[in-house]
Amino acid sequence: MERMEYDPEGGNYLPVTARETGSTLIVVGIIMLLAALGWGLFVDWDIRAGNIMMRIIFGADVLIALVLMVVGFSKKRHIRK
């Protein structure tokens, strides 16, 4: 699928390709993992202290990031076939 050039008249764009979507999901997943790392370093004392809510939020963030990355890799791999 070709990428359409910018149209100053507006509103005449093709949908985003699956390869671009895969790359975007991978980047978002990496950013979320980096944010989780920084957050884990910042509030490590609270997570280790046993606050269950902090553990759930931290775990959900990491899980969502990994799922986004796996979906992104699968979309990029699916295009190559």
C-alpha atoms as a PDB file:
ATOM      1  CA  MET A   1       0.000   0.000   0.000  1.00  0.00           C
ATOM      2  CA  GLU A   2       1.418   3.356  -0.986  1.00  0.00           C
ATOM      3  CA  ARG A   3       1.708   6.213   1.393  1.00  0.00           C
ATOM      4  CA  MET A   4      -0.167   9.294   0.266  1.00  0.00           C
ATOM      5  CA  GLU A   5       1.558  12.647   0.286  1.00  0.00           C
ATOM      6  CA  TYR A   6       0.238  15.527   2.365  1.00  0.00           C
ATOM      7  CA  ASP A   7      -2.875  17.010   0.830  1.00  0.00           C
ATOM      8  CA  PRO A   8      -3.337  20.704   1.724  1.00  0.00           C
ATOM      9  CA  GLU A   9      -6.998  20.440   0.703  1.00  0.00           C
ATOM     10  CA  GLY A  10      -7.423  17.964   3.573  1.00  0.00           C
ATOM     11  CA  GLY A  11      -9.117  14.715   4.381  1.00  0.00           C
ATOM     12  CA  ASN A  12      -7.870  12.562   1.528  1.00  0.00           C
ATOM     13  CA  TYR A  13      -5.560  10.052   3.252  1.00  0.00           C
ATOM     14  CA  LEU A  14      -5.050   6.316   2.901  1.00  0.00           C
ATOM     15  CA  PRO A  15      -5.168   4.122   6.010  1.00  0.00           C
ATOM     16  CA  VAL A  16      -1.970   3.436   7.915  1.00  0.00           C
ATOM     17  CA  THR A  17      -0.195   0.250   6.867  1.00  0.00           C
ATOM     18  CA  ALA A  18       0.177  -2.751   9.182  1.00  0.00           C
ATOM     19  CA  ARG A  19       3.962  -2.351   9.127  1.00  0.00           C
ATOM     20  CA  GLU A  20       3.689   1.210  10.451  1.00  0.00           C
ATOM     21  CA  THR A  21       1.221   0.038  13.091  1.00  0.00           C
ATOM     22  CA  GLY A  22       3.641  -2.695  14.184  1.00  0.00           C
ATOM     23  CA  SER A  23       6.505  -0.224  14.476  1.00  0.00           C
ATOM     24  CA  THR A  24       4.340   2.163  16.479  1.00  0.00           C
ATOM     25  CA  LEU A  25       3.291  -0.584  18.908  1.00  0.00           C
ATOM     26  CA  ILE A  26       6.914  -1.617  19.418  1.00  0.00           C
ATOM     27  CA  VAL A  27       7.980   1.965  20.155  1.00  0.00           C
ATOM     28  CA  VAL A  28       5.080   2.482  22.578  1.00  0.00           C
ATOM     29  CA  GLY A  29       5.967  -0.784  24.335  1.00  0.00           C
ATOM     30  CA  ILE A  30       9.616   0.242  24.708  1.00  0.00           C
ATOM     31  CA  ILE A  31       8.620   3.641  26.075  1.00  0.00           C
ATOM     32  CA  MET A  32       6.280   1.975  28.580  1.00  0.00           C
ATOM     33  CA  LEU A  33       9.049  -0.411  29.703  1.00  0.00           C
ATOM     34  CA  LEU A  34      11.452   2.497  30.164  1.00  0.00           C
ATOM     35  CA  ALA A  35       8.804   4.375  32.134  1.00  0.00           C
ATOM     36  CA  ALA A  36       8.214   1.283  34.279  1.00  0.00           C
ATOM     37  CA  LEU A  37      11.948   1.005  34.904  1.00  0.00           C
ATOM     38  CA  GLY A  38      12.179   4.637  35.995  1.00  0.00           C
ATOM     39  CA  TRP A  39       9.041   4.322  38.092  1.00  0.00           C
ATOM     40  CA  GLY A  40      10.345   1.111  39.656  1.00  0.00           C
ATOM     41  CA  LEU A  41      13.600   2.810  40.589  1.00  0.00           C
ATOM     42  CA  PHE A  42      11.772   5.835  41.978  1.00  0.00           C
ATOM     43  CA  VAL A  43       9.247   3.968  44.141  1.00  0.00           C
ATOM     44  CA  ASP A  44      11.202   0.756  44.676  1.00  0.00           C
ATOM     45  CA  TRP A  45      10.876   1.126  48.437  1.00  0.00           C
ATOM     46  CA  ASP A  46       7.077   1.155  48.169  1.00  0.00           C
ATOM     47  CA  ILE A  47       6.920  -1.833  45.833  1.00  0.00           C
ATOM     48  CA  ARG A  48       9.216  -3.922  48.050  1.00  0.00           C
ATOM     49  CA  ALA A  49       7.390  -2.813  51.184  1.00  0.00           C
ATOM     50  CA  GLY A  50       4.445  -4.914  50.091  1.00  0.00           C
ATOM     51  CA  ASN A  51       1.895  -2.355  48.960  1.00  0.00           C
ATOM     52  CA  ILE A  52      -0.256  -4.615  46.790  1.00  0.00           C
ATOM     53  CA  MET A  53      -1.743  -1.778  44.737  1.00  0.00           C
ATOM     54  CA  MET A  54       1.715  -0.595  43.661  1.00  0.00           C
ATOM     55  CA  ARG A  55       2.669  -4.132  42.661  1.00  0.00           C
ATOM     56  CA  ILE A  56      -0.511  -4.520  40.609  1.00  0.00           C
ATOM     57  CA  ILE A  57      -0.008  -1.205  38.789  1.00  0.00           C
ATOM     58  CA  PHE A  58       3.657  -1.943  38.117  1.00  0.00           C
ATOM     59  CA  GLY A  59       2.903  -5.475  36.905  1.00  0.00           C
ATOM     60  CA  ALA A  60       0.061  -4.290  34.669  1.00  0.00           C
ATOM     61  CA  ASP A  61       2.307  -1.645  33.102  1.00  0.00           C
ATOM     62  CA  VAL A  62       5.013  -4.185  32.297  1.00  0.00           C
ATOM     63  CA  LEU A  63       2.482  -6.751  31.038  1.00  0.00           C
ATOM     64  CA  ILE A  64       0.741  -4.255  28.750  1.00  0.00           C
ATOM     65  CA  ALA A  65       4.102  -3.083  27.382  1.00  0.00           C
ATOM     66  CA  LEU A  66       5.175  -6.645  26.606  1.00  0.00           C
ATOM     67  CA  VAL A  67       1.842  -7.447  24.948  1.00  0.00           C
ATOM     68  CA  LEU A  68       2.108  -4.327  22.775  1.00  0.00           C
ATOM     69  CA  MET A  69       5.619  -5.303  21.722  1.00  0.00           C
ATOM     70  CA  VAL A  70       4.600  -8.875  20.864  1.00  0.00           C
ATOM     71  CA  VAL A  71       1.639  -7.645  18.803  1.00  0.00           C
ATOM     72  CA  GLY A  72       3.899  -5.129  17.053  1.00  0.00           C
ATOM     73  CA  PHE A  73       6.485  -7.780  16.179  1.00  0.00           C
ATOM     74  CA  SER A  74       3.789 -10.134  14.926  1.00  0.00           C
ATOM     75  CA  LYS A  75       2.294  -7.411  12.691  1.00  0.00           C
ATOM     76  CA  LYS A  76       5.698  -6.617  11.208  1.00  0.00           C
ATOM     77  CA  ARG A  77       6.495 -10.321  10.693  1.00  0.00           C
ATOM     78  CA  HIS A  78       3.097 -10.987   9.100  1.00  0.00           C
ATOM     79  CA  ILE A  79       3.784  -8.368   6.411  1.00  0.00           C
ATOM     80  CA  ARG A  80       7.018 -10.039   5.294  1.00  0.00           C
ATOM     81  CA  LYS A  81       5.269 -13.306   4.309  1.00  0.00           C
END
